[in-house]
Amino acid sequence: MQCVDPVRNPYAPGAGQRPPELAGRDRELDAFDVVLERIARGRPERSLVLTGLRGVGKTVLLNTLRSAAIGRLWGTGKIEARPDQSLRRPVSAALHMAIRELAPHHRDPDRVDEVLAVLKAFALRANDSSAKLRDRWAPGIDVPPARGRADSGDIEIDLVELFTDVASLATDVGTGIGLFIDEMQDLGPADVSALCAACHELSQLGAPLIVVGAGLPHLPAVLSAAKSYSERLFRYQRIDRLDRVAADLALCAPAAREQVEYEAKALDLLYEKSGGYPYFVQAYGKATWDHAPQSPVTDADVRVAAPEAEAELAVGFFGSRFERATPAERDYMRAMATLSGDHGSNDMDAAVSTADIATALGRKPAGLSPARDALIKKGLIYSGERGTVAFTVPHFGRYLRTQPV
């Protein structure tokens, strides 16, 4: 029998950390290869938006798609949107990186400097709203800023002009530019509108610059609220939990490389515990590996390890998010959890009526709007349909139902 060595534990339950086996995402990877190839041949292609709950591996997939673009010699940059930050600074830094990746392949350094000058002009407008000198920002671009291009101060006008000029560099070298945006739902309304307008212009021109965004399930609604044509502008891919075959592969493939096997009943129980959510698959897999004395791993090993995995999830995955909520927001989420439990859901996929939450708390719906809006802003809940809310975190309702009030 093969001993199971904790030092060789292959599983990786970390935020945005690539698992040892990226299972169940072949469809998305193959579709993106088609996008890259079409753009390489000068064919028009839409930008891409990945949506899904937390813990389904959106960030991992976003990083993998970026790696695929880099492998095709694209210029790439990545940002993580934040509610308190304008788009100018992070986009400037990301596109600066992308241009630097393309520059060695361009035959005309002066042309590269011209685009860098436009980028610098765009970036410096980020200082317009800085009230204090210490908040002023220098983008680190060693050319004088251009005048009259991407420097109007209107983010929509400037982003369209910037994207158009940056894309022209990619056209010159016969490749593309990819801007990868994580937590895309956290962009401000003006920035979302500008991004949609810029992508619309690029699609009309057939320019080789695409945006690949990732965000929570309500991201399509955020984009649609900014520009009605966004529904036709982006190609949406919902990233969901793994099916049973993919979840088993995520566990068994890395284990096999370490000469470790799982019994069928162990895999049954692991899927039941994890629900197929990639983050949970890794968390339960890691704990089970550490507790299993030998191969094959049994369902008894899973039962022994499960409390440890659940304790770690309670602190690092659930508890850290719950602590960010105010007492009023926690009451709101507890009511959501109770109602979802009453509906027979052992998960968080079922949305809950905001009117029912108000009834449960003995309040008027309008009086609970501040708590609801704050929880949406914090990324703890989302509203997929008018009058309903759901948790952004898998199994969060189940977690709350086990916690003392």
Protein backbone atom coordinates (compact mmCIF):
# COMPACT_ATOMS: atom_id res chain seq x y z
CA MET A 1 0.00 0.00 0.00
CA GLN A 2 1.20 3.49 -0.89
CA CYS A 3 1.55 5.85 2.09
CA VAL A 4 -0.09 9.25 1.71
CA ASP A 5 2.63 11.81 2.45
CA PRO A 6 1.34 15.24 3.63
CA VAL A 7 4.46 16.87 2.17
CA ARG A 8 3.31 15.76 -1.29
CA ASN A 9 -0.24 17.04 -0.86
CA PRO A 10 -1.10 18.37 -4.33
CA TYR A 11 -4.25 20.34 -3.58
CA ALA A 12 -4.35 24.12 -3.58
CA PRO A 13 -7.35 25.78 -1.84
CA GLY A 14 -6.24 29.39 -2.31
CA ALA A 15 -7.93 32.51 -3.66
CA GLY A 16 -7.13 32.65 -7.36
CA GLN A 17 -4.58 29.87 -7.00
CA ARG A 18 -4.49 27.50 -9.95
CA PRO A 19 -5.43 23.97 -8.94
CA PRO A 20 -3.12 21.12 -9.91
CA GLU A 21 -5.74 19.94 -12.44
CA LEU A 22 -7.89 22.56 -14.15
CA ALA A 23 -10.82 20.23 -14.70
CA GLY A 24 -14.14 21.00 -16.36
CA ARG A 25 -13.08 24.14 -18.23
CA ASP A 26 -12.18 22.70 -21.63
CA ARG A 27 -15.17 24.34 -23.31
CA GLU A 28 -14.13 27.81 -22.17
CA LEU A 29 -10.48 27.26 -23.09
CA ASP A 30 -11.34 25.92 -26.54
CA ALA A 31 -13.72 28.83 -27.20
CA PHE A 32 -11.00 31.33 -26.28
CA ASP A 33 -8.54 29.62 -28.62
CA VAL A 34 -11.06 30.25 -31.39
CA VAL A 35 -11.21 33.94 -30.39
CA LEU A 36 -7.41 34.23 -30.52
CA GLU A 37 -7.22 32.51 -33.89
CA ARG A 38 -10.02 34.59 -35.41
CA ILE A 39 -8.36 37.83 -34.34
CA ALA A 40 -5.01 36.57 -35.68
CA ARG A 41 -6.74 36.17 -39.06
CA GLY A 42 -8.25 39.64 -38.93
CA ARG A 43 -11.77 38.47 -38.18
CA PRO A 44 -13.99 40.52 -35.82
CA GLU A 45 -14.65 39.08 -32.39
CA ARG A 46 -16.59 40.16 -29.32
CA SER A 47 -15.08 40.78 -25.92
CA LEU A 48 -15.75 38.12 -23.29
CA VAL A 49 -17.36 38.19 -19.86
CA LEU A 50 -17.15 35.32 -17.35
CA THR A 51 -19.76 35.28 -14.60
CA GLY A 52 -20.32 33.06 -11.60
CA LEU A 53 -20.40 32.74 -7.85
CA ARG A 54 -17.36 33.07 -5.67
CA GLY A 55 -15.32 29.89 -5.42
CA VAL A 56 -16.07 28.60 -8.93
CA GLY A 57 -12.63 29.52 -10.29
CA LYS A 58 -13.31 32.67 -12.33
CA THR A 59 -9.97 34.26 -11.41
CA VAL A 60 -8.10 31.04 -12.15
CA LEU A 61 -9.79 30.81 -15.54
CA LEU A 62 -9.14 34.49 -16.25
CA ASN A 63 -5.43 33.98 -15.55
CA THR A 64 -5.37 30.86 -17.72
CA LEU A 65 -6.96 32.73 -20.63
CA ARG A 66 -4.38 35.47 -20.23
CA SER A 67 -1.60 32.87 -20.36
CA ALA A 68 -3.10 31.55 -23.59
CA ALA A 69 -2.98 35.06 -25.06
CA ILE A 70 0.61 35.53 -23.96
CA GLY A 71 1.42 32.22 -25.64
CA ARG A 72 0.17 33.75 -28.90
CA LEU A 73 2.51 36.75 -28.35
CA TRP A 74 -0.34 39.09 -27.47
CA GLY A 75 0.21 42.13 -25.34
CA THR A 76 -1.74 41.70 -22.12
CA GLY A 77 -2.51 43.48 -18.89
CA LYS A 78 -4.73 42.64 -15.94
CA ILE A 79 -6.52 44.72 -13.35
CA GLU A 80 -8.79 44.04 -10.40
CA ALA A 81 -11.62 46.55 -10.23
CA ARG A 82 -12.39 48.23 -6.92
CA PRO A 83 -15.47 50.26 -6.00
CA ASP A 84 -13.34 53.12 -4.67
CA GLN A 85 -10.98 53.43 -7.61
CA SER A 86 -11.34 55.07 -11.01
CA LEU A 87 -10.53 53.04 -14.10
CA ARG A 88 -7.78 55.38 -15.33
CA ARG A 89 -4.87 54.34 -13.15
CA PRO A 90 -5.23 50.56 -13.33
CA VAL A 91 -6.04 50.58 -17.06
CA SER A 92 -3.04 52.83 -17.71
CA ALA A 93 -0.72 50.44 -15.86
CA ALA A 94 -2.22 47.37 -17.55
CA LEU A 95 -1.99 48.77 -21.07
CA HIS A 96 1.53 50.05 -20.39
CA MET A 97 2.51 46.46 -19.65
CA ALA A 98 0.75 45.28 -22.81
CA ILE A 99 2.57 47.83 -24.97
CA ARG A 100 5.90 46.87 -23.44
CA GLU A 101 5.21 43.25 -24.40
CA LEU A 102 4.51 44.29 -28.01
CA ALA A 103 7.28 46.87 -28.38
CA PRO A 104 10.15 44.41 -29.10
CA HIS A 105 8.17 43.05 -32.08
CA HIS A 106 7.42 46.49 -33.59
CA ARG A 107 9.65 47.80 -36.36
CA ASP A 108 9.10 51.50 -35.60
CA PRO A 109 10.10 52.61 -32.06
CA ASP A 110 8.82 56.11 -32.80
CA ARG A 111 5.34 54.72 -33.45
CA VAL A 112 5.44 52.91 -30.12
CA ASP A 113 6.46 56.16 -28.41
CA GLU A 114 3.54 57.97 -30.04
CA VAL A 115 1.09 55.52 -28.49
CA LEU A 116 2.89 55.67 -25.16
CA ALA A 117 2.50 59.45 -25.27
CA VAL A 118 -1.26 59.05 -25.71
CA LEU A 119 -1.30 56.54 -22.85
CA LYS A 120 0.58 58.98 -20.62
CA ALA A 121 -1.86 61.78 -21.47
CA PHE A 122 -4.75 59.48 -20.55
CA ALA A 123 -3.05 58.44 -17.32
CA LEU A 124 -2.23 61.93 -16.13
CA ARG A 125 -5.89 62.93 -16.15
CA ALA A 126 -6.25 60.60 -13.16
CA ASN A 127 -4.61 63.37 -11.13
CA ASP A 128 -7.38 65.87 -11.90
CA SER A 129 -9.54 64.67 -9.01
CA SER A 130 -6.65 64.36 -6.53
CA ALA A 131 -7.08 67.10 -3.95
CA LYS A 132 -3.73 66.52 -2.25
CA LEU A 133 -0.28 66.64 -3.79
CA ARG A 134 0.73 63.36 -2.15
CA ASP A 135 -2.09 61.63 -4.04
CA ARG A 136 -0.75 62.68 -7.42
CA TRP A 137 0.48 59.86 -9.58
CA ALA A 138 3.27 59.56 -12.14
CA PRO A 139 2.69 56.70 -14.58
CA GLY A 140 6.37 55.97 -15.23
CA ILE A 141 6.23 56.41 -19.02
CA ASP A 142 9.43 57.96 -20.38
CA VAL A 143 7.93 60.11 -23.12
CA PRO A 144 6.17 63.49 -22.97
CA PRO A 145 2.37 63.25 -22.89
CA ALA A 146 0.49 63.79 -26.14
CA ARG A 147 -1.89 66.70 -26.49
CA GLY A 148 -5.39 66.52 -27.86
CA ARG A 149 -5.70 62.74 -27.71
CA ALA A 150 -7.24 60.72 -24.84
CA ASP A 151 -6.85 63.74 -22.54
CA SER A 152 -10.27 65.43 -22.64
CA GLY A 153 -11.12 64.40 -19.09
CA ASP A 154 -14.25 62.60 -20.30
CA ILE A 155 -13.49 58.96 -19.53
CA GLU A 156 -15.72 57.68 -22.35
CA ILE A 157 -14.09 59.81 -25.05
CA ASP A 158 -10.60 59.20 -23.73
CA LEU A 159 -10.95 55.43 -23.38
CA VAL A 160 -12.27 55.07 -26.93
CA GLU A 161 -9.31 57.03 -28.29
CA LEU A 162 -6.80 55.16 -26.13
CA PHE A 163 -8.11 51.71 -27.04
CA THR A 164 -8.12 52.62 -30.73
CA ASP A 165 -4.49 53.77 -30.66
CA VAL A 166 -3.25 50.84 -28.58
CA ALA A 167 -5.06 48.39 -30.87
CA SER A 168 -3.30 49.93 -33.86
CA LEU A 169 0.04 48.79 -32.45
CA ALA A 170 -1.23 45.23 -32.31
CA THR A 171 -2.39 45.55 -35.92
CA ASP A 172 1.11 46.68 -36.91
CA VAL A 173 2.70 43.51 -35.50
CA GLY A 174 -0.08 41.15 -36.54
CA THR A 175 -1.22 40.20 -33.05
CA GLY A 176 -3.69 41.41 -30.40
CA ILE A 177 -4.14 43.17 -27.08
CA GLY A 178 -6.03 41.63 -24.17
CA LEU A 179 -7.21 43.62 -21.16
CA PHE A 180 -8.26 41.25 -18.38
CA ILE A 181 -10.52 42.69 -15.65
CA ASP A 182 -11.32 40.78 -12.48
CA GLU A 183 -14.21 41.76 -10.15
CA MET A 184 -15.64 43.69 -13.10
CA GLN A 185 -18.95 44.33 -11.30
CA ASP A 186 -17.11 46.74 -8.98
CA LEU A 187 -16.44 49.30 -11.72
CA GLY A 188 -18.24 52.60 -11.25
CA PRO A 189 -21.17 53.46 -13.55
CA ALA A 190 -19.19 56.01 -15.60
CA ASP A 191 -16.33 53.56 -16.07
CA VAL A 192 -18.68 50.73 -17.10
CA SER A 193 -20.32 53.03 -19.65
CA ALA A 194 -16.93 54.09 -21.01
CA LEU A 195 -15.71 50.52 -21.26
CA CYS A 196 -18.82 49.47 -23.17
CA ALA A 197 -18.47 52.42 -25.54
CA ALA A 198 -14.80 51.62 -26.17
CA CYS A 199 -15.54 47.94 -26.85
CA HIS A 200 -18.37 48.97 -29.18
CA GLU A 201 -16.03 51.19 -31.18
CA LEU A 202 -13.41 48.45 -31.39
CA SER A 203 -15.95 45.93 -32.62
CA GLN A 204 -17.09 48.31 -35.35
CA LEU A 205 -13.50 48.89 -36.45
CA GLY A 206 -12.55 45.21 -36.18
CA ALA A 207 -9.59 46.32 -34.06
CA PRO A 208 -7.58 43.55 -32.34
CA LEU A 209 -8.18 44.57 -28.73
CA ILE A 210 -10.55 42.63 -26.52
CA VAL A 211 -11.63 42.93 -22.93
CA VAL A 212 -11.97 39.73 -20.92
CA GLY A 213 -13.90 40.41 -17.73
CA ALA A 214 -14.86 38.25 -14.78
CA GLY A 215 -17.47 39.03 -12.16
CA LEU A 216 -20.44 37.99 -10.10
CA PRO A 217 -23.71 36.72 -11.63
CA HIS A 218 -25.28 40.17 -11.80
CA LEU A 219 -22.47 41.58 -13.98
CA PRO A 220 -24.55 41.32 -17.20
CA ALA A 221 -27.22 43.47 -15.55
CA VAL A 222 -24.56 46.03 -14.54
CA LEU A 223 -23.34 46.24 -18.14
CA SER A 224 -26.86 46.40 -19.56
CA ALA A 225 -27.76 49.25 -17.24
CA ALA A 226 -24.80 51.22 -18.59
CA LYS A 227 -25.39 50.58 -22.30
CA SER A 228 -28.41 48.80 -23.71
CA TYR A 229 -26.34 47.34 -26.53
CA SER A 230 -23.99 45.56 -24.11
CA GLU A 231 -26.08 42.40 -24.46
CA ARG A 232 -24.83 42.17 -28.06
CA LEU A 233 -21.41 43.59 -27.32
CA PHE A 234 -20.03 40.83 -25.09
CA ARG A 235 -20.06 37.06 -25.24
CA TYR A 236 -21.18 35.84 -21.80
CA GLN A 237 -20.01 32.56 -20.30
CA ARG A 238 -21.44 31.40 -16.97
CA ILE A 239 -18.87 29.54 -14.91
CA ASP A 240 -20.61 27.03 -12.68
CA ARG A 241 -19.77 24.24 -10.26
CA LEU A 242 -18.03 21.15 -11.64
CA ASP A 243 -20.08 18.15 -12.65
CA ARG A 244 -19.27 14.83 -11.05
CA VAL A 245 -16.84 13.69 -13.76
CA ALA A 246 -14.86 16.95 -13.63
CA ALA A 247 -14.81 17.03 -9.80
CA ASP A 248 -13.48 13.46 -9.69
CA LEU A 249 -10.83 14.39 -12.25
CA ALA A 250 -9.78 17.42 -10.17
CA LEU A 251 -9.15 15.07 -7.24
CA CYS A 252 -7.89 11.92 -8.94
CA ALA A 253 -5.54 13.29 -11.60
CA PRO A 254 -3.12 15.03 -9.20
CA ALA A 255 -3.39 12.11 -6.75
CA ALA A 256 -2.50 9.62 -9.49
CA ARG A 257 0.67 11.58 -10.21
CA GLU A 258 1.61 10.84 -6.59
CA GLN A 259 0.58 7.15 -6.93
CA VAL A 260 -2.47 7.66 -4.69
CA GLU A 261 -6.00 6.43 -5.47
CA TYR A 262 -9.50 7.06 -4.11
CA GLU A 263 -12.21 4.51 -3.41
CA ALA A 264 -15.51 5.19 -5.15
CA LYS A 265 -17.31 5.84 -1.85
CA ALA A 266 -14.68 8.43 -0.91
CA LEU A 267 -15.32 10.30 -4.16
CA ASP A 268 -19.08 10.06 -3.56
CA LEU A 269 -18.71 11.70 -0.18
CA LEU A 270 -16.26 14.33 -1.37
CA TYR A 271 -18.68 15.43 -4.07
CA GLU A 272 -21.51 15.55 -1.56
CA LYS A 273 -19.44 17.69 0.81
CA SER A 274 -17.99 20.04 -1.81
CA GLY A 275 -21.06 20.38 -4.02
CA GLY A 276 -18.65 20.42 -6.96
CA TYR A 277 -17.48 23.97 -6.24
CA PRO A 278 -13.79 24.08 -7.22
CA TYR A 279 -12.62 25.92 -4.10
CA PHE A 280 -14.39 23.41 -1.87
CA VAL A 281 -13.10 20.47 -3.91
CA GLN A 282 -9.57 21.66 -3.18
CA ALA A 283 -10.29 22.36 0.50
CA TYR A 284 -11.83 18.95 1.19
CA GLY A 285 -9.21 17.24 -0.97
CA LYS A 286 -6.36 18.83 0.96
CA ALA A 287 -7.80 17.97 4.38
CA THR A 288 -8.60 14.41 3.32
CA TRP A 289 -5.09 13.87 1.95
CA ASP A 290 -3.55 15.08 5.20
CA HIS A 291 -5.65 12.64 7.26
CA ALA A 292 -5.48 9.58 5.02
CA PRO A 293 -2.84 7.12 6.27
CA GLN A 294 -2.55 5.18 3.02
CA SER A 295 -3.86 4.61 -0.49
CA PRO A 296 -6.57 4.04 -1.49
CA VAL A 297 -8.28 6.91 0.33
CA THR A 298 -11.57 5.78 1.89
CA ASP A 299 -14.85 7.42 2.81
CA ALA A 300 -13.83 6.97 6.45
CA ASP A 301 -10.80 9.19 5.74
CA VAL A 302 -13.12 11.82 4.28
CA ARG A 303 -15.39 11.72 7.36
CA VAL A 304 -12.43 12.20 9.68
CA ALA A 305 -11.06 15.08 7.61
CA ALA A 306 -14.32 16.89 6.85
CA PRO A 307 -14.56 18.79 10.18
CA GLU A 308 -11.09 20.24 9.63
CA ALA A 309 -11.97 21.37 6.12
CA GLU A 310 -15.22 22.88 7.36
CA ALA A 311 -13.43 24.67 10.20
CA GLU A 312 -10.95 26.21 7.77
CA LEU A 313 -13.74 27.26 5.42
CA ALA A 314 -15.67 28.73 8.34
CA VAL A 315 -12.74 31.02 9.18
CA GLY A 316 -11.12 31.81 5.84
CA PHE A 317 -13.96 31.58 3.35
CA PHE A 318 -17.18 32.28 5.24
CA GLY A 319 -16.16 33.99 8.47
CA SER A 320 -13.91 36.60 6.89
CA ARG A 321 -16.80 37.75 4.72
CA PHE A 322 -19.34 37.70 7.54
CA GLU A 323 -17.05 39.89 9.67
CA ARG A 324 -17.18 42.61 7.01
CA ALA A 325 -20.92 43.08 7.56
CA THR A 326 -22.50 45.46 10.07
CA PRO A 327 -24.98 44.12 12.63
CA ALA A 328 -27.92 45.26 10.46
CA GLU A 329 -26.39 43.59 7.41
CA ARG A 330 -25.83 40.38 9.37
CA ASP A 331 -29.49 40.34 10.40
CA TYR A 332 -30.42 40.71 6.75
CA MET A 333 -28.21 37.79 5.73
CA ARG A 334 -29.47 35.59 8.58
CA ALA A 335 -33.02 36.20 7.39
CA MET A 336 -31.95 35.25 3.86
CA ALA A 337 -30.34 32.06 5.18
CA THR A 338 -33.42 31.09 7.17
CA LEU A 339 -35.72 31.65 4.23
CA SER A 340 -33.52 29.69 1.84
CA GLY A 341 -33.48 26.85 4.38
CA ASP A 342 -37.27 27.00 4.68
CA HIS A 343 -37.45 26.62 0.90
CA GLY A 344 -35.61 23.33 1.19
CA SER A 345 -32.39 24.59 -0.35
CA ASN A 346 -29.23 23.15 1.13
CA ASP A 347 -27.27 25.53 -1.03
CA MET A 348 -27.37 29.20 -1.88
CA ASP A 349 -28.48 28.99 -5.50
CA ALA A 350 -32.14 29.77 -4.78
CA ALA A 351 -32.91 33.49 -4.67
CA VAL A 352 -34.99 34.91 -1.84
CA SER A 353 -37.69 37.56 -2.14
CA THR A 354 -36.79 40.91 -0.57
CA ALA A 355 -40.41 41.25 0.51
CA ASP A 356 -40.16 37.96 2.40
CA ILE A 357 -36.98 39.17 4.11
CA ALA A 358 -38.76 42.34 5.22
CA THR A 359 -41.65 40.29 6.58
CA ALA A 360 -39.28 38.00 8.47
CA LEU A 361 -37.55 41.00 10.05
CA GLY A 362 -40.78 42.88 10.75
CA ARG A 363 -39.67 45.81 8.62
CA LYS A 364 -40.80 47.63 5.51
CA PRO A 365 -38.78 46.77 2.39
CA ALA A 366 -37.73 50.41 1.89
CA GLY A 367 -36.26 50.48 5.37
CA LEU A 368 -33.98 47.56 4.53
CA SER A 369 -32.69 49.04 1.29
CA PRO A 370 -29.50 50.49 2.87
CA ALA A 371 -28.50 47.08 4.27
CA ARG A 372 -29.28 45.34 0.99
CA ASP A 373 -27.39 47.91 -1.09
CA ALA A 374 -24.37 47.77 1.24
CA LEU A 375 -24.25 43.98 1.04
CA ILE A 376 -24.38 44.14 -2.76
CA LYS A 377 -21.57 46.71 -2.78
CA LYS A 378 -19.49 44.47 -0.50
CA GLY A 379 -20.03 41.57 -2.88
CA LEU A 380 -21.81 39.38 -0.33
CA ILE A 381 -25.16 39.20 -2.10
CA TYR A 382 -26.43 40.01 -5.57
CA SER A 383 -29.75 40.73 -7.21
CA GLY A 384 -30.19 38.62 -10.31
CA GLU A 385 -33.84 39.62 -10.75
CA ARG A 386 -35.81 42.57 -9.48
CA GLY A 387 -37.17 41.94 -6.00
CA THR A 388 -34.87 39.02 -5.18
CA VAL A 389 -31.42 38.54 -3.70
CA ALA A 390 -29.04 35.60 -3.35
CA PHE A 391 -25.68 34.95 -1.74
CA THR A 392 -22.58 35.30 -3.90
CA VAL A 393 -20.82 32.61 -1.86
CA PRO A 394 -21.77 28.93 -2.25
CA HIS A 395 -23.10 27.26 0.91
CA PHE A 396 -23.15 30.61 2.75
CA GLY A 397 -26.77 30.15 3.78
CA ARG A 398 -25.97 26.73 5.20
CA TYR A 399 -23.01 28.22 7.10
CA LEU A 400 -25.15 30.98 8.63
CA ARG A 401 -27.82 28.53 9.71
CA THR A 402 -25.20 26.74 11.85
CA GLN A 403 -23.97 29.92 13.56
CA PRO A 404 -25.30 31.22 16.88
CA VAL A 405 -27.14 34.53 16.74
